[in-house]
């Protein structure tokens, strides 16, 4: 993107641990699926970097959560990224 700002996503330590723990959980039954999950999570984060307004903004009672969005991990729709 010429002249545009480069966007990046910051994955908080807790979110990074969550992805690792989920991959380990999936690996208990299927190591290949766990690797696919880990790679899909990384690709989903990359998608959000390129298109930061993907996913619906949710309504929450807590005003600190205003504007929080969700996006599913590609290919693993039961796992959501909250950002």
PDB file of N, CA and C in Angstrom:
ATOM      1  N   UNK A   1       0.852  -1.167   0.000  1.00  0.00           N
ATOM      2  CA  UNK A   1       0.000   0.000   0.000  1.00  0.00           C
ATOM      3  C   UNK A   1       0.900   1.233   0.000  1.00  0.00           C
ATOM      4  N   UNK A   2       1.086   1.826  -1.121  1.00  0.00           N
ATOM      5  CA  UNK A   2       1.985   2.964  -1.252  1.00  0.00           C
ATOM      6  C   UNK A   2       1.447   4.161  -0.479  1.00  0.00           C
ATOM      7  N   UNK A   3       2.289   4.726   0.340  1.00  0.00           N
ATOM      8  CA  UNK A   3       1.936   5.915   1.093  1.00  0.00           C
ATOM      9  C   UNK A   3       0.988   5.669   2.252  1.00  0.00           C
ATOM     10  N   UNK A   4       0.485   4.453   2.390  1.00  0.00           N
ATOM     11  CA  UNK A   4      -0.445   4.136   3.469  1.00  0.00           C
ATOM     12  C   UNK A   4       0.288   3.695   4.716  1.00  0.00           C
ATOM     13  N   UNK A   5      -0.433   3.702   5.796  1.00  0.00           N
ATOM     14  CA  UNK A   5       0.137   3.241   7.052  1.00  0.00           C
ATOM     15  C   UNK A   5       0.192   1.721   7.060  1.00  0.00           C
ATOM     16  N   UNK A   6       1.258   1.201   7.578  1.00  0.00           N
ATOM     17  CA  UNK A   6       1.360  -0.240   7.755  1.00  0.00           C
ATOM     18  C   UNK A   6       0.638  -0.612   9.043  1.00  0.00           C
ATOM     19  N   UNK A   7      -0.271  -1.549   8.953  1.00  0.00           N
ATOM     20  CA  UNK A   7      -1.020  -1.975  10.131  1.00  0.00           C
ATOM     21  C   UNK A   7      -0.375  -3.219  10.706  1.00  0.00           C
ATOM     22  N   UNK A   8      -0.550  -3.377  11.989  1.00  0.00           N
ATOM     23  CA  UNK A   8      -0.079  -4.593  12.629  1.00  0.00           C
ATOM     24  C   UNK A   8      -1.054  -4.937  13.731  1.00  0.00           C
ATOM     25  N   UNK A   9      -1.015  -6.174  14.091  1.00  0.00           N
ATOM     26  CA  UNK A   9      -1.889  -6.642  15.153  1.00  0.00           C
ATOM     27  C   UNK A   9      -1.005  -7.025  16.335  1.00  0.00           C
ATOM     28  N   UNK A  10      -1.460  -6.699  17.508  1.00  0.00           N
ATOM     29  CA  UNK A  10      -0.725  -7.060  18.718  1.00  0.00           C
ATOM     30  C   UNK A  10      -1.498  -8.185  19.398  1.00  0.00           C
ATOM     31  N   UNK A  11      -0.869  -9.322  19.497  1.00  0.00           N
ATOM     32  CA  UNK A  11      -1.490 -10.466  20.158  1.00  0.00           C
ATOM     33  C   UNK A  11      -1.035 -10.446  21.611  1.00  0.00           C
ATOM     34  N   UNK A  12      -1.975 -10.258  22.483  1.00  0.00           N
ATOM     35  CA  UNK A  12      -1.644 -10.194  23.905  1.00  0.00           C
ATOM     36  C   UNK A  12      -1.170 -11.555  24.406  1.00  0.00           C
ATOM     37  N   UNK A  13      -0.345 -11.558  25.447  1.00  0.00           N
ATOM     38  CA  UNK A  13       0.175 -12.832  25.963  1.00  0.00           C
ATOM     39  C   UNK A  13      -0.922 -13.841  26.303  1.00  0.00           C
ATOM     40  N   UNK A  14      -2.019 -13.386  26.884  1.00  0.00           N
ATOM     41  CA  UNK A  14      -3.106 -14.314  27.227  1.00  0.00           C
ATOM     42  C   UNK A  14      -3.712 -14.931  25.973  1.00  0.00           C
ATOM     43  N   UNK A  15      -3.898 -14.138  24.921  1.00  0.00           N
ATOM     44  CA  UNK A  15      -4.443 -14.661  23.664  1.00  0.00           C
ATOM     45  C   UNK A  15      -3.484 -15.667  23.043  1.00  0.00           C
ATOM     46  N   UNK A  16      -2.199 -15.384  23.102  1.00  0.00           N
ATOM     47  CA  UNK A  16      -1.192 -16.309  22.577  1.00  0.00           C
ATOM     48  C   UNK A  16      -1.243 -17.636  23.341  1.00  0.00           C
ATOM     49  N   UNK A  17      -1.379 -17.560  24.658  1.00  0.00           N
ATOM     50  CA  UNK A  17      -1.507 -18.782  25.467  1.00  0.00           C
ATOM     51  C   UNK A  17      -2.779 -19.538  25.112  1.00  0.00           C
ATOM     52  N   UNK A  18      -3.871 -18.797  24.898  1.00  0.00           N
ATOM     53  CA  UNK A  18      -5.134 -19.447  24.534  1.00  0.00           C
ATOM     54  C   UNK A  18      -4.989 -20.243  23.233  1.00  0.00           C
ATOM     55  N   UNK A  19      -4.363 -19.643  22.230  1.00  0.00           N
ATOM     56  CA  UNK A  19      -4.168 -20.341  20.951  1.00  0.00           C
ATOM     57  C   UNK A  19      -3.325 -21.591  21.159  1.00  0.00           C
ATOM     58  N   UNK A  20      -2.257 -21.472  21.923  1.00  0.00           N
ATOM     59  CA  UNK A  20      -1.389 -22.627  22.191  1.00  0.00           C
ATOM     60  C   UNK A  20      -2.138 -23.709  22.955  1.00  0.00           C
ATOM     61  N   UNK A  21      -2.902 -23.320  23.972  1.00  0.00           N
ATOM     62  CA  UNK A  21      -3.659 -24.303  24.756  1.00  0.00           C
ATOM     63  C   UNK A  21      -4.726 -24.998  23.902  1.00  0.00           C
ATOM     64  N   UNK A  22      -5.390 -24.243  23.030  1.00  0.00           N
ATOM     65  CA  UNK A  22      -6.390 -24.843  22.150  1.00  0.00           C
ATOM     66  C   UNK A  22      -5.736 -25.821  21.173  1.00  0.00           C
ATOM     67  N   UNK A  23      -4.588 -25.449  20.641  1.00  0.00           N
ATOM     68  CA  UNK A  23      -3.872 -26.350  19.727  1.00  0.00           C
ATOM     69  C   UNK A  23      -3.470 -27.628  20.461  1.00  0.00           C
ATOM     70  N   UNK A  24      -3.021 -27.502  21.687  1.00  0.00           N
ATOM     71  CA  UNK A  24      -2.664 -28.697  22.474  1.00  0.00           C
ATOM     72  C   UNK A  24      -3.882 -29.571  22.731  1.00  0.00           C
ATOM     73  N   UNK A  25      -5.006 -28.941  23.028  1.00  0.00           N
ATOM     74  CA  UNK A  25      -6.245 -29.683  23.269  1.00  0.00           C
ATOM     75  C   UNK A  25      -6.660 -30.441  22.014  1.00  0.00           C
ATOM     76  N   UNK A  26      -6.625 -29.777  20.880  1.00  0.00           N
ATOM     77  CA  UNK A  26      -6.984 -30.417  19.615  1.00  0.00           C
ATOM     78  C   UNK A  26      -6.008 -31.547  19.303  1.00  0.00           C
ATOM     79  N   UNK A  27      -4.724 -31.361  19.639  1.00  0.00           N
ATOM     80  CA  UNK A  27      -3.697 -32.360  19.356  1.00  0.00           C
ATOM     81  C   UNK A  27      -3.910 -33.656  20.128  1.00  0.00           C
ATOM     82  N   UNK A  28      -4.634 -33.590  21.230  1.00  0.00           N
ATOM     83  CA  UNK A  28      -4.906 -34.813  21.989  1.00  0.00           C
ATOM     84  C   UNK A  28      -5.633 -35.839  21.123  1.00  0.00           C
ATOM     85  N   UNK A  29      -6.446 -35.375  20.196  1.00  0.00           N
ATOM     86  CA  UNK A  29      -7.181 -36.265  19.292  1.00  0.00           C
ATOM     87  C   UNK A  29      -6.594 -36.312  17.891  1.00  0.00           C
ATOM     88  N   UNK A  30      -5.978 -35.195  17.458  1.00  0.00           N
ATOM     89  CA  UNK A  30      -5.542 -35.130  16.069  1.00  0.00           C
ATOM     90  C   UNK A  30      -4.431 -34.099  15.922  1.00  0.00           C
ATOM     91  N   UNK A  31      -3.193 -34.570  15.824  1.00  0.00           N
ATOM     92  CA  UNK A  31      -2.036 -33.671  15.736  1.00  0.00           C
ATOM     93  C   UNK A  31      -2.068 -32.829  14.459  1.00  0.00           C
ATOM     94  N   UNK A  32      -2.517 -33.414  13.362  1.00  0.00           N
ATOM     95  CA  UNK A  32      -2.582 -32.656  12.109  1.00  0.00           C
ATOM     96  C   UNK A  32      -3.607 -31.531  12.203  1.00  0.00           C
ATOM     97  N   UNK A  33      -4.748 -31.804  12.826  1.00  0.00           N
ATOM     98  CA  UNK A  33      -5.774 -30.770  13.000  1.00  0.00           C
ATOM     99  C   UNK A  33      -5.249 -29.650  13.895  1.00  0.00           C
ATOM    100  N   UNK A  34      -4.455 -29.998  14.887  1.00  0.00           N
ATOM    101  CA  UNK A  34      -3.881 -28.987  15.776  1.00  0.00           C
ATOM    102  C   UNK A  34      -2.951 -28.060  15.009  1.00  0.00           C
ATOM    103  N   UNK A  35      -2.144 -28.622  14.134  1.00  0.00           N
ATOM    104  CA  UNK A  35      -1.247 -27.805  13.316  1.00  0.00           C
ATOM    105  C   UNK A  35      -2.058 -26.912  12.375  1.00  0.00           C
ATOM    106  N   UNK A  36      -3.104 -27.480  11.773  1.00  0.00           N
ATOM    107  CA  UNK A  36      -3.975 -26.681  10.901  1.00  0.00           C
ATOM    108  C   UNK A  36      -4.629 -25.545  11.685  1.00  0.00           C
ATOM    109  N   UNK A  37      -5.051 -25.839  12.926  1.00  0.00           N
ATOM    110  CA  UNK A  37      -5.651 -24.795  13.759  1.00  0.00           C
ATOM    111  C   UNK A  37      -4.657 -23.672  14.018  1.00  0.00           C
ATOM    112  N   UNK A  38      -3.450 -24.038  14.405  1.00  0.00           N
ATOM    113  CA  UNK A  38      -2.430 -23.030  14.716  1.00  0.00           C
ATOM    114  C   UNK A  38      -2.151 -22.162  13.487  1.00  0.00           C
ATOM    115  N   UNK A  39      -2.019 -22.792  12.326  1.00  0.00           N
ATOM    116  CA  UNK A  39      -1.769 -22.047  11.088  1.00  0.00           C
ATOM    117  C   UNK A  39      -2.980 -21.203  10.701  1.00  0.00           C
ATOM    118  N   UNK A  40      -4.185 -21.739  10.909  1.00  0.00           N
ATOM    119  CA  UNK A  40      -5.406 -20.995  10.595  1.00  0.00           C
ATOM    120  C   UNK A  40      -5.551 -19.780  11.504  1.00  0.00           C
ATOM    121  N   UNK A  41      -5.193 -19.921  12.763  1.00  0.00           N
ATOM    122  CA  UNK A  41      -5.247 -18.785  13.690  1.00  0.00           C
ATOM    123  C   UNK A  41      -4.286 -17.694  13.217  1.00  0.00           C
ATOM    124  N   UNK A  42      -3.092 -18.084  12.827  1.00  0.00           N
ATOM    125  CA  UNK A  42      -2.111 -17.115  12.330  1.00  0.00           C
ATOM    126  C   UNK A  42      -2.644 -16.409  11.082  1.00  0.00           C
ATOM    127  N   UNK A  43      -3.229 -17.169  10.154  1.00  0.00           N
ATOM    128  CA  UNK A  43      -3.794 -16.563   8.941  1.00  0.00           C
ATOM    129  C   UNK A  43      -4.960 -15.649   9.286  1.00  0.00           C
ATOM    130  N   UNK A  44      -5.776 -16.022  10.258  1.00  0.00           N
ATOM    131  CA  UNK A  44      -6.893 -15.169  10.664  1.00  0.00           C
ATOM    132  C   UNK A  44      -6.387 -13.855  11.243  1.00  0.00           C
ATOM    133  N   UNK A  45      -5.326 -13.906  12.037  1.00  0.00           N
ATOM    134  CA  UNK A  45      -4.731 -12.671  12.562  1.00  0.00           C
ATOM    135  C   UNK A  45      -4.201 -11.810  11.406  1.00  0.00           C
ATOM    136  N   UNK A  46      -3.592 -12.462  10.420  1.00  0.00           N
ATOM    137  CA  UNK A  46      -3.099 -11.719   9.254  1.00  0.00           C
ATOM    138  C   UNK A  46      -4.248 -11.068   8.485  1.00  0.00           C
ATOM    139  N   UNK A  47      -5.374 -11.767   8.349  1.00  0.00           N
ATOM    140  CA  UNK A  47      -6.548 -11.185   7.695  1.00  0.00           C
ATOM    141  C   UNK A  47      -7.002  -9.931   8.425  1.00  0.00           C
ATOM    142  N   UNK A  48      -7.013 -10.001   9.750  1.00  0.00           N
ATOM    143  CA  UNK A  48      -7.448  -8.850  10.543  1.00  0.00           C
ATOM    144  C   UNK A  48      -6.474  -7.687  10.415  1.00  0.00           C
ATOM    145  N   UNK A  49      -5.214  -7.989  10.186  1.00  0.00           N
ATOM    146  CA  UNK A  49      -4.233  -6.930   9.966  1.00  0.00           C
ATOM    147  C   UNK A  49      -4.536  -6.211   8.657  1.00  0.00           C
ATOM    148  N   UNK A  50      -4.864  -6.992   7.627  1.00  0.00           N
ATOM    149  CA  UNK A  50      -5.151  -6.408   6.312  1.00  0.00           C
ATOM    150  C   UNK A  50      -6.510  -5.712   6.272  1.00  0.00           C
ATOM    151  N   UNK A  51      -7.475  -6.257   6.990  1.00  0.00           N
ATOM    152  CA  UNK A  51      -8.848  -5.737   6.964  1.00  0.00           C
ATOM    153  C   UNK A  51      -9.368  -5.656   8.396  1.00  0.00           C
ATOM    154  N   UNK A  52      -8.996  -4.613   9.119  1.00  0.00           N
ATOM    155  CA  UNK A  52      -9.249  -4.557  10.564  1.00  0.00           C
ATOM    156  C   UNK A  52     -10.712  -4.416  10.981  1.00  0.00           C
ATOM    157  N   UNK A  53     -11.620  -4.237  10.047  1.00  0.00           N
ATOM    158  CA  UNK A  53     -13.023  -4.098  10.435  1.00  0.00           C
ATOM    159  C   UNK A  53     -13.852  -5.322  10.065  1.00  0.00           C
ATOM    160  N   UNK A  54     -13.183  -6.442   9.837  1.00  0.00           N
ATOM    161  CA  UNK A  54     -13.901  -7.683   9.587  1.00  0.00           C
ATOM    162  C   UNK A  54     -14.663  -8.070  10.843  1.00  0.00           C
ATOM    163  N   UNK A  55     -15.729  -8.755  10.663  1.00  0.00           N
ATOM    164  CA  UNK A  55     -16.488  -9.229  11.816  1.00  0.00           C
ATOM    165  C   UNK A  55     -17.380  -8.153  12.393  1.00  0.00           C
ATOM    166  N   UNK A  56     -18.491  -8.595  12.953  1.00  0.00           N
ATOM    167  CA  UNK A  56     -19.440  -7.623  13.509  1.00  0.00           C
ATOM    168  C   UNK A  56     -18.969  -7.035  14.836  1.00  0.00           C
ATOM    169  N   UNK A  57     -19.268  -5.749  15.024  1.00  0.00           N
ATOM    170  CA  UNK A  57     -19.061  -5.125  16.332  1.00  0.00           C
ATOM    171  C   UNK A  57     -20.199  -5.602  17.226  1.00  0.00           C
ATOM    172  N   UNK A  58     -19.884  -5.979  18.433  1.00  0.00           N
ATOM    173  CA  UNK A  58     -20.889  -6.522  19.352  1.00  0.00           C
ATOM    174  C   UNK A  58     -21.327  -5.459  20.346  1.00  0.00           C
ATOM    175  N   UNK A  59     -22.493  -5.677  20.890  1.00  0.00           N
ATOM    176  CA  UNK A  59     -23.022  -4.801  21.943  1.00  0.00           C
ATOM    177  C   UNK A  59     -22.804  -5.489  23.292  1.00  0.00           C
ATOM    178  N   UNK A  60     -22.211  -4.773  24.220  1.00  0.00           N
ATOM    179  CA  UNK A  60     -21.978  -5.296  25.567  1.00  0.00           C
ATOM    180  C   UNK A  60     -22.440  -4.277  26.587  1.00  0.00           C
ATOM    181  N   UNK A  61     -22.815  -4.744  27.747  1.00  0.00           N
ATOM    182  CA  UNK A  61     -23.228  -3.834  28.820  1.00  0.00           C
ATOM    183  C   UNK A  61     -22.045  -3.025  29.343  1.00  0.00           C
ATOM    184  N   UNK A  62     -20.890  -3.637  29.358  1.00  0.00           N
ATOM    185  CA  UNK A  62     -19.691  -2.967  29.861  1.00  0.00           C
ATOM    186  C   UNK A  62     -19.207  -1.966  28.810  1.00  0.00           C
ATOM    187  N   UNK A  63     -19.194  -0.668  29.142  1.00  0.00           N
ATOM    188  CA  UNK A  63     -18.773   0.337  28.160  1.00  0.00           C
ATOM    189  C   UNK A  63     -17.319   0.185  27.716  1.00  0.00           C
ATOM    190  N   UNK A  64     -16.497  -0.476  28.515  1.00  0.00           N
ATOM    191  CA  UNK A  64     -15.088  -0.694  28.120  1.00  0.00           C
ATOM    192  C   UNK A  64     -14.985  -1.632  26.921  1.00  0.00           C
ATOM    193  N   UNK A  65     -16.035  -2.387  26.661  1.00  0.00           N
ATOM    194  CA  UNK A  65     -16.021  -3.344  25.559  1.00  0.00           C
ATOM    195  C   UNK A  65     -16.663  -2.785  24.289  1.00  0.00           C
ATOM    196  N   UNK A  66     -17.017  -1.515  24.304  1.00  0.00           N
ATOM    197  CA  UNK A  66     -17.646  -0.883  23.143  1.00  0.00           C
ATOM    198  C   UNK A  66     -16.733  -1.049  21.920  1.00  0.00           C
ATOM    199  N   UNK A  67     -17.335  -1.495  20.829  1.00  0.00           N
ATOM    200  CA  UNK A  67     -16.583  -1.650  19.587  1.00  0.00           C
ATOM    201  C   UNK A  67     -15.855  -2.980  19.456  1.00  0.00           C
ATOM    202  N   UNK A  68     -15.955  -3.838  20.462  1.00  0.00           N
ATOM    203  CA  UNK A  68     -15.296  -5.140  20.396  1.00  0.00           C
ATOM    204  C   UNK A  68     -15.914  -5.950  19.264  1.00  0.00           C
ATOM    205  N   UNK A  69     -15.072  -6.538  18.445  1.00  0.00           N
ATOM    206  CA  UNK A  69     -15.517  -7.325  17.303  1.00  0.00           C
ATOM    207  C   UNK A  69     -15.102  -8.773  17.487  1.00  0.00           C
ATOM    208  N   UNK A  70     -15.739  -9.637  16.705  1.00  0.00           N
ATOM    209  CA  UNK A  70     -15.355 -11.045  16.712  1.00  0.00           C
ATOM    210  C   UNK A  70     -15.099 -11.492  15.283  1.00  0.00           C
ATOM    211  N   UNK A  71     -14.213 -12.461  15.147  1.00  0.00           N
ATOM    212  CA  UNK A  71     -13.911 -13.039  13.849  1.00  0.00           C
ATOM    213  C   UNK A  71     -13.534 -14.500  14.068  1.00  0.00           C
ATOM    214  N   UNK A  72     -14.147 -15.415  13.314  1.00  0.00           N
ATOM    215  CA  UNK A  72     -13.826 -16.840  13.512  1.00  0.00           C
ATOM    216  C   UNK A  72     -12.460 -17.188  12.939  1.00  0.00           C
ATOM    217  N   UNK A  73     -11.822 -18.150  13.572  1.00  0.00           N
ATOM    218  CA  UNK A  73     -10.579 -18.691  13.033  1.00  0.00           C
ATOM    219  C   UNK A  73     -10.961 -19.442  11.756  1.00  0.00           C
ATOM    220  N   UNK A  74     -10.305 -19.124  10.664  1.00  0.00           N
ATOM    221  CA  UNK A  74     -10.613 -19.714   9.363  1.00  0.00           C
ATOM    222  C   UNK A  74     -10.609 -21.235   9.436  1.00  0.00           C
ATOM    223  N   UNK A  75     -11.747 -21.833   9.065  1.00  0.00           N
ATOM    224  CA  UNK A  75     -11.858 -23.284   9.066  1.00  0.00           C
ATOM    225  C   UNK A  75     -12.207 -23.888  10.420  1.00  0.00           C
ATOM    226  N   UNK A  76     -12.265 -23.058  11.449  1.00  0.00           N
ATOM    227  CA  UNK A  76     -12.571 -23.501  12.812  1.00  0.00           C
ATOM    228  C   UNK A  76     -13.593 -22.526  13.398  1.00  0.00           C
ATOM    229  N   UNK A  77     -14.767 -22.503  12.826  1.00  0.00           N
ATOM    230  CA  UNK A  77     -15.789 -21.500  13.141  1.00  0.00           C
ATOM    231  C   UNK A  77     -16.232 -21.477  14.598  1.00  0.00           C
ATOM    232  N   UNK A  78     -15.973 -22.525  15.345  1.00  0.00           N
ATOM    233  CA  UNK A  78     -16.346 -22.533  16.767  1.00  0.00           C
ATOM    234  C   UNK A  78     -15.349 -21.773  17.635  1.00  0.00           C
ATOM    235  N   UNK A  79     -14.242 -21.341  17.050  1.00  0.00           N
ATOM    236  CA  UNK A  79     -13.217 -20.610  17.788  1.00  0.00           C
ATOM    237  C   UNK A  79     -13.180 -19.177  17.269  1.00  0.00           C
ATOM    238  N   UNK A  80     -13.447 -18.241  18.162  1.00  0.00           N
ATOM    239  CA  UNK A  80     -13.541 -16.830  17.786  1.00  0.00           C
ATOM    240  C   UNK A  80     -12.375 -16.028  18.305  1.00  0.00           C
ATOM    241  N   UNK A  81     -11.988 -15.043  17.519  1.00  0.00           N
ATOM    242  CA  UNK A  81     -11.004 -14.049  17.929  1.00  0.00           C
ATOM    243  C   UNK A  81     -11.809 -12.818  18.339  1.00  0.00           C
ATOM    244  N   UNK A  82     -11.588 -12.335  19.537  1.00  0.00           N
ATOM    245  CA  UNK A  82     -12.214 -11.097  20.007  1.00  0.00           C
ATOM    246  C   UNK A  82     -11.176 -10.011  19.895  1.00  0.00           C
ATOM    247  N   UNK A  83     -11.518  -8.919  19.202  1.00  0.00           N
ATOM    248  CA  UNK A  83     -10.552  -7.834  19.014  1.00  0.00           C
ATOM    249  C   UNK A  83     -11.247  -6.493  18.962  1.00  0.00           C
TER     250      UNK A  83
END
